[in-house]
Amino acid sequence: MKTIEELKVSGNIIFECISGSRAYGLATASSDTDIRGVFVLPKEKYYSLEYVGQINNETNDIVYYELKKFIELLSKNNPNILELLSVPKECILSKHPLFDKVKSKYFLSKLCKDTFANYAFTQIKKARGLKKKIVNPVEKKRKSVTDFCFVRKEKRAIPLNIFLENEGFEAAHCGLAKISHMKDCYNLFYNVNIVYNGVTRENANEVCLSSIPKSEIPIAILYFNRDGYSSYCKKYKEYWEWVAKRNDERYKSNISHSKNYDAKNMLHTFRLLHMAKEIGTENTIKVKRQDRDFLLAVKNAEFEYEELVERAEKLRLELGDIYEKSNLMEKPDLDTVNELLVEIRGQFYK
């Protein structure tokens, strides 16, 4: 049982619901429908080496957690998992009577102050991270090793490609030899009458060395900016993977508001902080948002990034006082939680 299709026909799902923006009451016409659920592995699979903790589709829009993993995440006060205990009734697709035993009172604790706030502030970083991709796009044509090679001539460092063009040289007739005790520095040789290996091979991530006759004299010293090339390759890969996977509607929205941050990430920042505040003051998880108008204003980028960060910092400080006075338990009682897990699994197998 490793696919969603196999899970669906197994009869082992004990809870299934619509989550995300539709559960929060924040969905728009372009919003996806996220599905979350909980299942119990068949007894023989649970006791075997084939334990499966999670089953999801490629985009993670649909995710099912095995009971053990689900309870573990609840005991750590994971925000995305805790909210599944309080989704609106209209969002519940199916529920086994055993799932009613999983109550928020066993899990809600003062850990929420940090788990919700920390997650909220990772959303802030993600929101600003989009700016780098918007204002610093990476060209589709990938640079090569030679673009990160420089030649020292007299008192100047000249890009290798420009040096070769100025001298009328061809890279294929170049040869390189290491210089002892000088990292990433090479003697550069040029001779059209000798078969050298050139500066680099096609699609290679390294310069290419040649066998150099002792009589040959180097024409210059070449430096390969290895760290710069490595950093560029990482940036190139990340950017074009982001382009391939990005939600175009969301991207166009972010571009159109010209604020250079991902407004949806900022929406989640305040949703999480407000939920943390409610947990601390009311001992309850409110999934369907009563602050919908404010959150949608954030999503529509009606605020400046700096203003939102300042608001978020104030909220985080406020949480410190709230949780200090809160009557929530310090952390979930793992003995109680473990007994709950054993009870549900035992009854399901019967």
Protein backbone atom coordinates (compact mmCIF):
# COMPACT_ATOMS: atom_id res chain seq x y z
CA MET A 1 0.00 0.00 0.00
CA LYS A 2 2.12 2.83 -1.33
CA THR A 3 -0.15 4.87 -3.60
CA ILE A 4 -3.24 6.96 -2.99
CA GLU A 5 -5.21 4.67 -5.31
CA GLU A 6 -4.27 1.60 -3.24
CA LEU A 7 -5.06 3.46 -0.02
CA LYS A 8 -8.50 4.51 -1.27
CA VAL A 9 -9.65 0.93 -1.85
CA SER A 10 -8.03 -0.49 1.30
CA GLY A 11 -10.68 0.65 3.78
CA ASN A 12 -7.92 1.81 6.12
CA ILE A 13 -8.60 5.56 5.98
CA ILE A 14 -10.04 6.74 9.31
CA PHE A 15 -10.20 10.46 8.52
CA GLU A 16 -10.29 12.56 5.39
CA CYS A 17 -10.92 16.29 4.97
CA ILE A 18 -10.51 19.37 2.81
CA SER A 19 -7.77 21.56 4.24
CA GLY A 20 -5.85 24.69 3.31
CA SER A 21 -7.48 27.85 2.00
CA ARG A 22 -10.91 26.23 1.56
CA ALA A 23 -10.96 25.18 5.21
CA TYR A 24 -9.72 28.62 6.31
CA GLY A 25 -12.50 30.32 4.32
CA LEU A 26 -9.86 32.13 2.27
CA ALA A 27 -10.24 30.37 -1.08
CA THR A 28 -10.42 32.29 -4.34
CA ALA A 29 -11.37 31.13 -7.83
CA SER A 30 -7.82 29.94 -8.55
CA SER A 31 -7.31 28.13 -5.21
CA ASP A 32 -6.39 24.45 -5.25
CA THR A 33 -8.30 21.89 -3.21
CA ASP A 34 -6.00 20.34 -0.62
CA ILE A 35 -6.90 16.98 0.89
CA ARG A 36 -5.48 15.63 4.16
CA GLY A 37 -6.21 12.38 5.89
CA VAL A 38 -5.19 9.70 8.37
CA PHE A 39 -4.93 5.96 7.77
CA VAL A 40 -4.00 2.86 9.75
CA LEU A 41 -1.59 0.44 8.15
CA PRO A 42 -2.74 -3.18 7.91
CA LYS A 43 -1.47 -5.13 10.92
CA GLU A 44 1.04 -7.20 8.94
CA LYS A 45 2.51 -4.05 7.31
CA TYR A 46 2.78 -2.22 10.62
CA TYR A 47 4.76 -5.02 12.23
CA SER A 48 6.93 -5.62 9.15
CA LEU A 49 9.84 -3.70 7.67
CA GLU A 50 7.39 -2.10 5.23
CA TYR A 51 6.15 0.65 7.54
CA VAL A 52 4.81 3.60 5.52
CA GLY A 53 4.40 6.85 7.43
CA GLN A 54 2.92 9.00 4.67
CA ILE A 55 1.31 8.67 1.26
CA ASN A 56 0.98 11.71 -1.01
CA ASN A 57 0.73 12.79 -4.62
CA GLU A 58 3.55 14.56 -6.47
CA THR A 59 2.39 18.08 -5.65
CA ASN A 60 1.54 17.32 -2.01
CA ASP A 61 -1.99 18.62 -2.56
CA ILE A 62 -3.17 15.25 -1.26
CA VAL A 63 -1.46 13.81 1.82
CA TYR A 64 -2.42 10.96 4.13
CA TYR A 65 -0.54 10.27 7.39
CA GLU A 66 -0.26 6.88 9.07
CA LEU A 67 -1.77 6.98 12.56
CA LYS A 68 1.60 6.72 14.35
CA LYS A 69 3.15 9.58 12.38
CA PHE A 70 -0.01 11.64 12.76
CA ILE A 71 -0.01 11.27 16.56
CA GLU A 72 3.73 12.00 16.70
CA LEU A 73 3.26 15.26 14.81
CA LEU A 74 0.31 16.20 17.01
CA SER A 75 2.43 15.62 20.12
CA LYS A 76 5.00 18.05 18.71
CA ASN A 77 2.21 20.62 18.15
CA ASN A 78 2.84 20.78 14.42
CA PRO A 79 0.55 23.60 13.15
CA ASN A 80 -0.47 21.89 9.89
CA ILE A 81 -1.45 18.73 11.75
CA LEU A 82 -3.15 20.30 14.78
CA GLU A 83 -5.56 22.21 12.59
CA LEU A 84 -6.91 18.93 11.16
CA LEU A 85 -8.59 18.31 14.53
CA SER A 86 -10.72 21.43 14.09
CA VAL A 87 -11.58 21.75 10.42
CA PRO A 88 -15.17 22.95 9.78
CA LYS A 89 -17.74 20.14 9.60
CA GLU A 90 -18.50 20.93 5.99
CA CYS A 91 -14.86 20.15 5.14
CA ILE A 92 -14.89 16.65 6.63
CA LEU A 93 -15.22 14.08 3.85
CA SER A 94 -15.18 10.94 6.00
CA LYS A 95 -14.52 10.04 9.63
CA HIS A 96 -14.28 6.69 11.41
CA PRO A 97 -15.81 6.67 14.96
CA LEU A 98 -12.34 5.83 16.32
CA PHE A 99 -11.01 9.18 15.11
CA ASP A 100 -13.29 10.94 17.61
CA LYS A 101 -10.93 9.69 20.32
CA VAL A 102 -8.23 12.03 18.99
CA LYS A 103 -9.09 15.23 20.83
CA SER A 104 -7.21 18.51 20.82
CA LYS A 105 -7.21 18.59 24.66
CA TYR A 106 -4.57 15.85 24.64
CA PHE A 107 -2.23 17.90 22.49
CA LEU A 108 -2.70 21.66 22.79
CA SER A 109 0.16 23.00 24.87
CA LYS A 110 2.50 25.92 25.34
CA LEU A 111 4.68 24.41 22.60
CA CYS A 112 2.28 26.13 20.18
CA LYS A 113 3.86 29.49 20.93
CA ASP A 114 7.08 28.44 19.24
CA THR A 115 5.81 25.96 16.65
CA PHE A 116 3.29 28.42 15.21
CA ALA A 117 5.53 31.50 15.51
CA ASN A 118 8.60 29.79 14.06
CA TYR A 119 6.60 28.48 11.13
CA ALA A 120 5.09 31.93 10.65
CA PHE A 121 8.52 33.53 10.39
CA THR A 122 9.75 30.97 7.87
CA GLN A 123 6.86 32.21 5.72
CA ILE A 124 8.27 35.75 5.99
CA LYS A 125 11.63 34.54 4.71
CA LYS A 126 9.94 32.69 1.85
CA ALA A 127 7.93 35.79 0.98
CA ARG A 128 11.05 37.93 0.63
CA GLY A 129 12.90 35.14 -1.12
CA LEU A 130 10.57 35.61 -4.08
CA LYS A 131 11.98 39.10 -4.59
CA LYS A 132 15.36 37.65 -5.43
CA LYS A 133 13.82 35.51 -8.14
CA ILE A 134 11.69 38.33 -9.56
CA VAL A 135 14.39 41.00 -9.80
CA ASN A 136 17.29 38.59 -10.40
CA PRO A 137 16.13 36.17 -13.10
CA VAL A 138 18.67 33.66 -14.39
CA GLU A 139 19.16 33.44 -18.16
CA LYS A 140 17.93 30.20 -19.72
CA LYS A 141 21.23 29.71 -21.56
CA ARG A 142 23.51 28.12 -18.99
CA LYS A 143 26.98 29.56 -18.47
CA SER A 144 30.00 27.28 -18.83
CA VAL A 145 33.26 26.79 -16.95
CA THR A 146 35.06 29.20 -19.31
CA ASP A 147 32.76 32.03 -18.20
CA PHE A 148 34.34 31.72 -14.76
CA CYS A 149 37.94 31.65 -15.96
CA PHE A 150 40.14 34.74 -15.82
CA VAL A 151 43.58 35.45 -17.23
CA ARG A 152 46.18 37.60 -15.50
CA LYS A 153 47.97 39.67 -18.05
CA GLU A 154 50.38 42.32 -16.82
CA LYS A 155 48.43 43.97 -13.97
CA ARG A 156 44.90 43.08 -15.03
CA ALA A 157 42.50 40.14 -14.72
CA ILE A 158 40.68 39.61 -18.00
CA PRO A 159 37.79 37.16 -18.61
CA LEU A 160 39.21 34.24 -20.57
CA ASN A 161 36.73 34.56 -23.41
CA ILE A 162 37.62 38.23 -23.92
CA PHE A 163 41.34 37.45 -23.69
CA LEU A 164 41.07 34.76 -26.38
CA GLU A 165 39.03 37.07 -28.62
CA ASN A 166 41.49 39.94 -28.24
CA GLU A 167 44.46 37.69 -29.00
CA GLY A 168 42.73 35.87 -31.85
CA PHE A 169 43.20 32.54 -30.05
CA GLU A 170 40.94 29.48 -30.09
CA ALA A 171 40.13 27.68 -26.84
CA ALA A 172 40.70 24.31 -28.53
CA HIS A 173 44.42 25.09 -28.92
CA CYS A 174 44.85 26.01 -25.26
CA GLY A 175 46.49 23.80 -22.70
CA LEU A 176 46.45 24.04 -18.92
CA ALA A 177 48.87 22.80 -16.28
CA LYS A 178 48.52 23.11 -12.51
CA ILE A 179 50.68 25.54 -10.58
CA SER A 180 51.97 24.05 -7.35
CA HIS A 181 50.76 25.69 -4.11
CA MET A 182 48.35 27.98 -5.99
CA LYS A 183 44.78 26.73 -5.68
CA ASP A 184 42.67 26.94 -8.86
CA CYS A 185 45.54 28.65 -10.71
CA TYR A 186 46.97 27.20 -13.94
CA ASN A 187 49.67 28.00 -16.45
CA LEU A 188 47.99 28.71 -19.77
CA PHE A 189 49.75 27.50 -22.93
CA TYR A 190 48.85 28.13 -26.54
CA ASN A 191 50.21 26.39 -29.62
CA VAL A 192 48.27 25.54 -32.78
CA ASN A 193 50.86 22.90 -33.67
CA ILE A 194 50.34 20.86 -30.49
CA VAL A 195 47.24 18.85 -29.69
CA TYR A 196 46.09 20.21 -26.33
CA ASN A 197 42.86 19.28 -24.53
CA GLY A 198 41.54 22.82 -24.49
CA VAL A 199 40.31 24.64 -21.39
CA THR A 200 37.30 22.42 -20.66
CA ARG A 201 35.28 19.62 -22.24
CA GLU A 202 31.65 20.06 -23.32
CA ASN A 203 29.19 19.93 -20.40
CA ALA A 204 32.07 19.51 -17.94
CA ASN A 205 32.14 21.16 -14.52
CA GLU A 206 35.91 21.36 -14.35
CA VAL A 207 38.83 22.75 -16.32
CA CYS A 208 40.80 20.28 -18.40
CA LEU A 209 44.52 19.62 -17.99
CA SER A 210 46.90 18.81 -20.84
CA SER A 211 50.27 17.14 -21.16
CA ILE A 212 52.64 20.04 -21.78
CA PRO A 213 56.06 19.62 -23.45
CA LYS A 214 58.89 20.91 -21.21
CA SER A 215 60.01 23.32 -23.91
CA GLU A 216 56.67 25.18 -23.91
CA ILE A 217 56.42 28.59 -22.20
CA PRO A 218 53.09 29.72 -20.65
CA ILE A 219 51.50 32.80 -22.18
CA ALA A 220 49.59 33.72 -19.00
CA ILE A 221 48.24 32.52 -15.66
CA LEU A 222 44.60 31.34 -15.66
CA TYR A 223 42.40 31.41 -12.55
CA PHE A 224 39.23 29.31 -12.36
CA ASN A 225 36.68 30.85 -9.99
CA ARG A 226 35.46 27.46 -8.80
CA ASP A 227 33.35 28.80 -5.92
CA GLY A 228 31.67 31.34 -8.18
CA TYR A 229 30.87 28.64 -10.73
CA SER A 230 29.51 26.29 -8.06
CA SER A 231 27.31 29.07 -6.62
CA TYR A 232 26.02 29.93 -10.10
CA CYS A 233 25.14 26.29 -10.85
CA LYS A 234 23.13 26.06 -7.63
CA LYS A 235 21.33 29.34 -8.35
CA TYR A 236 20.62 28.27 -11.94
CA LYS A 237 19.16 24.93 -10.83
CA GLU A 238 17.02 26.49 -8.08
CA TYR A 239 15.68 29.25 -10.35
CA TRP A 240 14.63 27.04 -13.25
CA GLU A 241 13.15 24.39 -10.95
CA TRP A 242 11.16 27.22 -9.36
CA VAL A 243 10.00 28.40 -12.80
CA ALA A 244 8.91 24.87 -13.70
CA LYS A 245 6.96 24.35 -10.48
CA ARG A 246 5.61 27.82 -9.72
CA ASN A 247 1.91 28.51 -9.69
CA ASP A 248 1.60 30.90 -12.65
CA GLU A 249 -1.58 32.55 -11.36
CA ARG A 250 0.07 33.20 -8.00
CA TYR A 251 3.24 34.42 -9.71
CA LYS A 252 1.36 36.84 -11.98
CA SER A 253 -0.51 38.16 -8.95
CA ASN A 254 2.74 38.78 -7.10
CA ILE A 255 4.23 40.52 -10.14
CA SER A 256 1.14 42.68 -10.66
CA HIS A 257 1.14 44.16 -7.17
CA SER A 258 4.78 45.32 -7.63
CA LYS A 259 5.64 44.84 -3.94
CA ASN A 260 8.28 42.21 -4.71
CA TYR A 261 7.17 39.73 -2.08
CA ASP A 262 4.96 36.66 -2.07
CA ALA A 263 1.74 37.93 -0.55
CA LYS A 264 0.37 34.43 0.04
CA ASN A 265 3.31 33.62 2.31
CA MET A 266 2.61 36.77 4.28
CA LEU A 267 -1.06 35.78 4.59
CA HIS A 268 0.01 32.52 6.21
CA THR A 269 2.36 34.39 8.54
CA PHE A 270 -0.53 36.28 10.11
CA ARG A 271 -2.94 33.36 10.00
CA LEU A 272 -0.43 31.32 12.05
CA LEU A 273 0.30 34.12 14.51
CA HIS A 274 -3.38 34.85 15.04
CA MET A 275 -4.12 31.14 15.54
CA ALA A 276 -1.28 30.93 18.08
CA LYS A 277 -2.78 33.86 19.95
CA GLU A 278 -6.22 32.22 20.01
CA ILE A 279 -4.76 28.94 21.27
CA GLY A 280 -2.98 30.79 24.08
CA THR A 281 -6.01 32.84 25.15
CA GLU A 282 -8.93 30.52 24.37
CA ASN A 283 -7.37 27.03 24.40
CA THR A 284 -8.88 26.27 21.02
CA ILE A 285 -7.88 26.02 17.36
CA LYS A 286 -9.92 28.21 15.04
CA VAL A 287 -9.38 26.98 11.51
CA LYS A 288 -12.09 28.95 9.72
CA ARG A 289 -10.78 32.48 9.96
CA GLN A 290 -12.77 35.29 11.50
CA ASP A 291 -10.02 37.70 10.42
CA ARG A 292 -10.74 36.88 6.78
CA ASP A 293 -10.93 40.50 5.57
CA PHE A 294 -7.54 41.39 7.02
CA LEU A 295 -5.90 38.21 5.71
CA LEU A 296 -7.28 38.77 2.20
CA ALA A 297 -6.01 42.35 2.33
CA VAL A 298 -2.57 40.93 3.12
CA LYS A 299 -2.93 38.46 0.25
CA ASN A 300 -3.87 41.37 -2.06
CA ALA A 301 -0.62 43.12 -1.03
CA GLU A 302 -2.36 46.16 0.44
CA PHE A 303 0.53 46.59 2.90
CA GLU A 304 4.23 47.25 2.52
CA TYR A 305 6.55 44.38 3.39
CA GLU A 306 8.32 46.32 6.16
CA GLU A 307 4.98 47.21 7.79
CA LEU A 308 3.93 43.58 7.84
CA VAL A 309 7.25 42.45 9.34
CA GLU A 310 6.88 45.07 12.09
CA ARG A 311 3.34 43.87 12.85
CA ALA A 312 4.51 40.27 12.96
CA GLU A 313 7.34 41.08 15.37
CA LYS A 314 4.89 42.82 17.72
CA LEU A 315 2.59 39.81 17.60
CA ARG A 316 5.44 37.45 18.42
CA LEU A 317 6.38 39.53 21.46
CA GLU A 318 2.74 39.57 22.52
CA LEU A 319 2.64 35.78 22.38
CA GLY A 320 5.33 35.61 25.06
CA ASP A 321 3.08 37.35 27.60
CA ILE A 322 -0.01 35.42 26.52
CA TYR A 323 1.57 31.99 26.91
CA GLU A 324 3.22 32.90 30.20
CA LYS A 325 -0.24 33.53 31.66
CA SER A 326 -1.94 30.70 29.79
CA ASN A 327 -3.31 27.66 31.64
CA LEU A 328 -2.24 25.34 28.81
CA MET A 329 -0.08 22.39 29.78
CA GLU A 330 3.64 22.89 29.15
CA LYS A 331 3.73 20.05 26.64
CA PRO A 332 1.60 17.00 25.79
CA ASP A 333 1.74 14.10 28.25
CA LEU A 334 3.43 11.43 26.11
CA ASP A 335 2.23 8.59 28.34
CA THR A 336 -1.39 9.64 27.76
CA VAL A 337 -0.75 10.14 24.04
CA ASN A 338 0.90 6.73 23.75
CA GLU A 339 -2.01 5.02 25.49
CA LEU A 340 -4.36 6.75 23.05
CA LEU A 341 -2.34 5.53 20.07
CA VAL A 342 -2.25 1.94 21.35
CA GLU A 343 -5.98 1.99 22.11
CA ILE A 344 -7.01 3.26 18.66
CA ARG A 345 -4.72 0.88 16.78
CA GLY A 346 -5.79 -2.10 18.91
CA GLN A 347 -9.48 -1.39 18.40
CA PHE A 348 -9.04 -0.85 14.66
CA TYR A 349 -7.30 -4.20 14.23
CA LYS A 350 -10.08 -5.95 16.15
